[in-house]
Amino acid sequence: MSDLVNQSRPLIPSPSIVTYRTLVKSLRELHLDAGKPVIVHSSLSSLGMVQGGPKVVIGALLEVFESVMAPTFTYKTLVVPETGPPNNAVQYGNHTDRNKMAEFFYPDMPADKLMGIISETLRRHPDAFRSGHPVLSFAGVNVRKYLEKQLLNEPFAPLAAMVDDGGWILMMGVNQTSNTSIHLGERLAGRKTYTRWALMSDMVVSCANFPFCSDGFNAIQPLMDPFAKKVQIGDALVQAIPMMELVETTRQLIQADPMALLCNRTDCQSCNTIRSDIFNARHRT
């Protein structure tokens, strides 16, 4: 009887074994210019069983590419005031408990877990430099010239500088909802941004041009397929996308359709605010 029960259970495939050599070989198969900067969005678990863990992934990336960057955002610094600007996709005055749990930003603050362990491992690399934005920081090796361009009111200036230098987006086992560069395209298209507040150096600072929802970003994937270079590493699809094409496609898409790439969640304040603004603008004309 036990044999019959065992035979009826679906077989769960074992995760692939990924080594340093596998990573280096596969990343080189993308045939990118090693001198061009790369921003990495990643999921370690999606790759399979990586021998040596995230440090091996970082080692492979730095073996193949000269300049590697990743987002190291820190949402735990965010606070919400009692009052603020209208039409800002936030409810004021009812975040007392959350505000009490907020933390002051400091340069060695760990990246939010949503960024993934590979991003946090890159941040902790002995040669890494991190930008100083209290919420939307980036970190990397040999990318200081990009990171120093970041301002409180222009959080994605490092990405714009990477675009100018022919940078690439490397997506390791994640989809377009993790692609921060799409927010730069939104900004260039004139899409509405928001103001948020964060704790920094014993004070509350205002962070302008803050983006939000990325849940609708997968709609851009078919438009990126002609430009993407793809390789399978372990259990994950890894794709490299030229930043210039991604940002420009995003800009053109939103300018042609202001509601492009918005999510369909009824509870999304950010996307619903944008839709409301578009609706009101159309009915005023």
Protein backbone atom coordinates (compact mmCIF):
# COMPACT_ATOMS: atom_id res chain seq x y z
CA MET A 1 0.00 0.00 0.00
CA SER A 2 2.82 2.42 0.88
CA ASP A 3 4.41 1.83 -2.55
CA LEU A 4 1.14 2.83 -4.25
CA VAL A 5 0.90 5.97 -2.13
CA ASN A 6 4.48 6.93 -2.94
CA GLN A 7 3.91 6.35 -6.65
CA SER A 8 0.89 8.69 -6.64
CA ARG A 9 2.83 11.62 -5.20
CA PRO A 10 4.13 14.13 -7.76
CA LEU A 11 7.89 14.23 -8.05
CA ILE A 12 9.44 17.54 -6.98
CA PRO A 13 12.47 18.29 -9.16
CA SER A 14 15.71 18.90 -7.32
CA PRO A 15 17.18 22.40 -7.66
CA SER A 16 20.01 22.80 -10.13
CA ILE A 17 23.55 23.00 -8.80
CA VAL A 18 25.14 26.30 -9.83
CA THR A 19 28.88 26.84 -9.45
CA TYR A 20 31.14 29.86 -9.84
CA ARG A 21 32.38 28.44 -13.14
CA THR A 22 28.80 28.00 -14.36
CA LEU A 23 27.96 31.59 -13.49
CA VAL A 24 31.02 33.08 -15.18
CA LYS A 25 30.61 30.96 -18.31
CA SER A 26 26.91 31.73 -18.64
CA LEU A 27 27.27 35.47 -17.99
CA ARG A 28 29.95 35.66 -20.69
CA GLU A 29 27.56 33.95 -23.10
CA LEU A 30 25.45 37.13 -22.97
CA HIS A 31 28.29 38.79 -24.96
CA LEU A 32 28.02 42.16 -23.24
CA ASP A 33 30.79 44.73 -23.31
CA ALA A 34 32.51 44.15 -19.97
CA GLY A 35 33.34 47.85 -19.74
CA LYS A 36 29.68 48.92 -19.71
CA PRO A 37 28.00 49.41 -16.30
CA VAL A 38 25.42 46.87 -15.19
CA ILE A 39 22.55 47.19 -12.70
CA VAL A 40 21.53 43.83 -11.27
CA HIS A 41 18.09 42.74 -10.09
CA SER A 42 18.16 39.22 -8.74
CA SER A 43 16.73 36.33 -6.78
CA LEU A 44 19.27 33.90 -5.37
CA SER A 45 16.72 31.15 -4.76
CA SER A 46 15.51 31.27 -8.37
CA LEU A 47 18.96 30.18 -9.59
CA GLY A 48 18.83 26.88 -7.72
CA MET A 49 21.50 25.63 -5.33
CA VAL A 50 24.38 28.08 -5.67
CA GLN A 51 27.57 26.61 -4.24
CA GLY A 52 29.06 29.30 -2.02
CA GLY A 53 25.89 31.38 -1.86
CA PRO A 54 25.51 35.05 -2.81
CA LYS A 55 29.22 35.85 -2.43
CA VAL A 56 29.93 33.50 -5.33
CA VAL A 57 27.33 35.30 -7.46
CA ILE A 58 28.93 38.67 -6.69
CA GLY A 59 32.36 37.24 -7.44
CA ALA A 60 31.18 35.99 -10.81
CA LEU A 61 29.52 39.31 -11.67
CA LEU A 62 32.69 41.24 -10.85
CA GLU A 63 34.76 38.74 -12.84
CA VAL A 64 32.68 39.39 -15.95
CA PHE A 65 31.72 43.07 -15.56
CA GLU A 66 33.88 46.00 -14.44
CA SER A 67 31.06 48.09 -12.92
CA VAL A 68 28.18 46.44 -11.05
CA MET A 69 25.36 48.20 -9.19
CA ALA A 70 22.18 47.09 -7.41
CA PRO A 71 19.31 48.77 -5.56
CA THR A 72 19.70 48.82 -1.77
CA PHE A 73 16.44 50.51 -0.81
CA THR A 74 15.53 50.97 2.87
CA TYR A 75 11.78 51.36 3.35
CA LYS A 76 12.04 51.15 7.14
CA THR A 77 13.10 54.82 7.21
CA LEU A 78 9.76 56.05 5.84
CA VAL A 79 7.39 58.10 7.99
CA VAL A 80 4.02 59.75 7.25
CA PRO A 81 3.23 63.23 8.66
CA GLU A 82 -0.08 64.36 10.07
CA THR A 83 -0.66 66.60 7.06
CA GLY A 84 0.93 67.06 3.67
CA PRO A 85 0.39 67.94 0.01
CA PRO A 86 -2.94 66.83 -1.48
CA ASN A 87 -3.36 64.18 -4.17
CA ASN A 88 -0.25 62.41 -2.87
CA ALA A 89 -1.48 58.79 -2.74
CA VAL A 90 -1.17 58.57 1.04
CA GLN A 91 -3.54 58.85 3.99
CA TYR A 92 -2.20 61.33 6.51
CA GLY A 93 -2.63 61.15 10.25
CA ASN A 94 -3.16 57.43 10.81
CA HIS A 95 0.40 56.06 10.78
CA THR A 96 1.37 56.70 14.40
CA ASP A 97 2.31 53.09 15.15
CA ARG A 98 4.28 52.71 11.92
CA ASN A 99 6.11 55.98 12.50
CA LYS A 100 7.22 54.76 15.93
CA MET A 101 8.85 51.74 14.27
CA ALA A 102 10.70 53.79 11.65
CA GLU A 103 14.51 53.93 11.83
CA PHE A 104 17.01 56.66 11.03
CA PHE A 105 18.97 55.97 7.87
CA TYR A 106 22.66 55.27 8.32
CA PRO A 107 25.23 54.33 5.64
CA ASP A 108 25.52 50.69 6.75
CA MET A 109 21.79 50.09 7.10
CA PRO A 110 20.97 46.71 5.53
CA ALA A 111 18.97 46.80 2.33
CA ASP A 112 15.33 45.81 2.58
CA LYS A 113 14.81 42.07 2.17
CA LEU A 114 12.73 42.78 -0.92
CA MET A 115 15.98 43.76 -2.65
CA GLY A 116 17.31 40.23 -2.29
CA ILE A 117 20.39 38.82 -0.61
CA ILE A 118 22.56 39.35 -3.70
CA SER A 119 21.99 43.13 -3.54
CA GLU A 120 22.76 43.16 0.18
CA THR A 121 25.91 41.10 -0.39
CA LEU A 122 27.06 43.57 -3.03
CA ARG A 123 26.46 46.43 -0.59
CA ARG A 124 28.71 44.70 1.93
CA HIS A 125 31.53 44.08 -0.56
CA PRO A 126 34.76 45.71 0.70
CA ASP A 127 35.10 47.73 -2.51
CA ALA A 128 31.46 48.83 -2.67
CA PHE A 129 30.24 52.42 -2.46
CA ARG A 130 26.67 53.32 -1.51
CA SER A 131 24.69 56.45 -2.31
CA GLY A 132 23.13 58.45 0.51
CA HIS A 133 19.42 58.56 -0.31
CA PRO A 134 17.58 57.57 2.91
CA VAL A 135 15.10 55.34 1.04
CA LEU A 136 16.21 54.77 -2.57
CA SER A 137 19.95 54.18 -2.28
CA PHE A 138 22.04 52.15 -4.69
CA ALA A 139 25.36 50.43 -4.07
CA GLY A 140 28.03 48.83 -6.19
CA VAL A 141 31.62 48.41 -7.21
CA ASN A 142 33.27 50.86 -9.64
CA VAL A 143 30.04 52.88 -9.90
CA ARG A 144 30.81 55.79 -7.60
CA LYS A 145 30.67 58.34 -10.44
CA TYR A 146 27.05 57.34 -11.06
CA LEU A 147 26.01 57.18 -7.42
CA GLU A 148 27.37 60.64 -6.62
CA LYS A 149 24.84 62.12 -9.05
CA GLN A 150 21.90 61.06 -6.87
CA LEU A 151 19.91 63.81 -5.15
CA LEU A 152 16.99 63.68 -2.73
CA ASN A 153 14.71 65.06 -5.43
CA GLU A 154 16.27 63.03 -8.28
CA PRO A 155 16.68 59.51 -6.90
CA PHE A 156 17.18 57.90 -10.31
CA ALA A 157 19.91 60.23 -11.56
CA PRO A 158 22.47 57.37 -11.26
CA LEU A 159 20.41 55.34 -13.72
CA ALA A 160 20.23 58.24 -16.16
CA ALA A 161 24.03 58.51 -16.03
CA MET A 162 24.32 54.79 -16.71
CA VAL A 163 22.02 55.16 -19.71
CA ASP A 164 24.37 57.80 -21.11
CA ASP A 165 27.26 55.33 -20.74
CA GLY A 166 25.45 52.50 -22.52
CA GLY A 167 24.56 50.56 -19.38
CA TRP A 168 22.70 47.27 -19.14
CA ILE A 169 20.03 45.86 -16.86
CA LEU A 170 20.76 42.31 -15.72
CA MET A 171 17.70 40.45 -14.48
CA MET A 172 18.59 37.20 -12.76
CA GLY A 173 15.49 35.12 -12.13
CA VAL A 174 13.18 38.11 -11.65
CA ASN A 175 10.62 39.78 -13.90
CA GLN A 176 9.97 43.36 -14.94
CA THR A 177 8.24 44.26 -11.68
CA SER A 178 11.76 44.37 -10.20
CA ASN A 179 13.14 46.60 -12.95
CA THR A 180 13.87 49.95 -11.29
CA SER A 181 14.94 51.56 -14.57
CA ILE A 182 11.31 51.60 -15.72
CA HIS A 183 10.73 54.26 -13.07
CA LEU A 184 13.29 56.44 -14.85
CA GLY A 185 11.31 56.04 -18.07
CA GLU A 186 8.15 57.03 -16.20
CA ARG A 187 9.89 60.14 -14.91
CA LEU A 188 11.08 61.14 -18.39
CA ALA A 189 7.57 60.62 -19.74
CA GLY A 190 6.24 63.11 -17.20
CA ARG A 191 4.31 60.60 -15.12
CA LYS A 192 3.14 61.82 -11.74
CA THR A 193 5.48 61.20 -8.81
CA TYR A 194 4.91 61.60 -5.09
CA THR A 195 6.48 63.14 -2.02
CA ARG A 196 7.56 60.87 0.79
CA TRP A 197 9.37 61.52 4.07
CA ALA A 198 12.22 59.66 5.73
CA LEU A 199 14.30 59.78 8.91
CA MET A 200 17.86 60.88 8.29
CA SER A 201 20.51 62.32 10.63
CA ASP A 202 18.10 63.06 13.47
CA MET A 203 15.68 64.86 11.16
CA VAL A 204 12.82 64.21 8.78
CA VAL A 205 13.70 64.91 5.15
CA SER A 206 11.32 65.34 2.23
CA CYS A 207 11.94 63.04 -0.73
CA ALA A 208 10.43 64.43 -3.93
CA ASN A 209 9.85 62.59 -7.22
CA PHE A 210 9.20 59.34 -5.40
CA PRO A 211 7.80 56.56 -7.62
CA PHE A 212 5.57 53.79 -6.46
CA CYS A 213 3.74 50.82 -7.89
CA SER A 214 5.56 48.49 -10.29
CA ASP A 215 2.94 45.70 -10.35
CA GLY A 216 1.97 46.49 -13.95
CA PHE A 217 5.50 46.55 -15.36
CA ASN A 218 5.43 43.04 -16.84
CA ALA A 219 3.37 44.46 -19.72
CA ILE A 220 6.59 45.87 -21.16
CA GLN A 221 8.31 42.48 -21.53
CA PRO A 222 7.10 41.73 -25.09
CA LEU A 223 8.50 45.08 -26.21
CA MET A 224 11.88 44.23 -24.66
CA ASP A 225 12.20 40.73 -26.13
CA PRO A 226 13.74 41.98 -29.42
CA PHE A 227 16.50 43.77 -27.47
CA ALA A 228 17.09 41.26 -24.66
CA LYS A 229 19.95 38.81 -24.51
CA LYS A 230 18.99 35.69 -22.61
CA VAL A 231 20.71 32.72 -21.01
CA GLN A 232 19.62 29.99 -18.62
CA ILE A 233 21.59 29.78 -15.39
CA GLY A 234 20.53 26.91 -13.18
CA ASP A 235 16.78 27.14 -12.77
CA ALA A 236 16.55 30.82 -13.72
CA LEU A 237 16.16 32.72 -16.93
CA VAL A 238 18.70 35.55 -16.94
CA GLN A 239 18.21 38.40 -19.36
CA ALA A 240 20.26 41.47 -20.15
CA ILE A 241 18.38 44.50 -21.45
CA PRO A 242 20.04 47.68 -22.77
CA MET A 243 19.04 50.55 -20.51
CA MET A 244 18.66 53.03 -23.35
CA GLU A 245 16.07 50.89 -25.16
CA LEU A 246 14.19 50.11 -21.94
CA VAL A 247 13.98 53.71 -20.77
CA GLU A 248 13.13 55.13 -24.19
CA THR A 249 10.48 52.46 -24.83
CA THR A 250 8.92 53.22 -21.46
CA ARG A 251 8.89 56.95 -22.18
CA GLN A 252 7.27 56.52 -25.59
CA LEU A 253 4.75 53.99 -24.29
CA ILE A 254 3.48 56.27 -21.51
CA GLN A 255 3.41 59.37 -23.69
CA ALA A 256 1.27 57.46 -26.20
CA ASP A 257 -0.95 55.98 -23.47
CA PRO A 258 -0.76 57.75 -20.10
CA MET A 259 -2.29 54.71 -18.38
CA ALA A 260 0.31 52.26 -19.72
CA LEU A 261 2.06 50.03 -17.15
CA LEU A 262 -0.36 50.89 -14.34
CA CYS A 263 -1.52 47.96 -12.23
CA ASN A 264 -5.10 46.70 -12.00
CA ARG A 265 -5.36 46.44 -8.21
CA THR A 266 -8.39 48.29 -6.92
CA ASP A 267 -6.59 49.12 -3.65
CA CYS A 268 -3.51 50.69 -5.27
CA GLN A 269 -3.52 54.35 -4.21
CA SER A 270 -0.61 55.23 -6.48
CA CYS A 271 -2.04 53.91 -9.77
CA ASN A 272 -5.58 54.99 -8.90
CA THR A 273 -4.38 58.54 -8.22
CA ILE A 274 -2.71 58.66 -11.62
CA ARG A 275 -5.85 57.32 -13.31
CA SER A 276 -7.96 59.90 -11.51
CA ASP A 277 -5.67 62.73 -12.60
CA ILE A 278 -5.80 61.55 -16.22
CA PHE A 279 -9.58 61.24 -16.10
CA ASN A 280 -10.02 64.72 -14.64
CA ALA A 281 -7.60 66.26 -17.14
CA ARG A 282 -9.45 64.73 -20.07
CA HIS A 283 -12.80 66.00 -18.83
CA ARG A 284 -11.47 69.51 -18.34
CA THR A 285 -10.56 69.78 -22.02
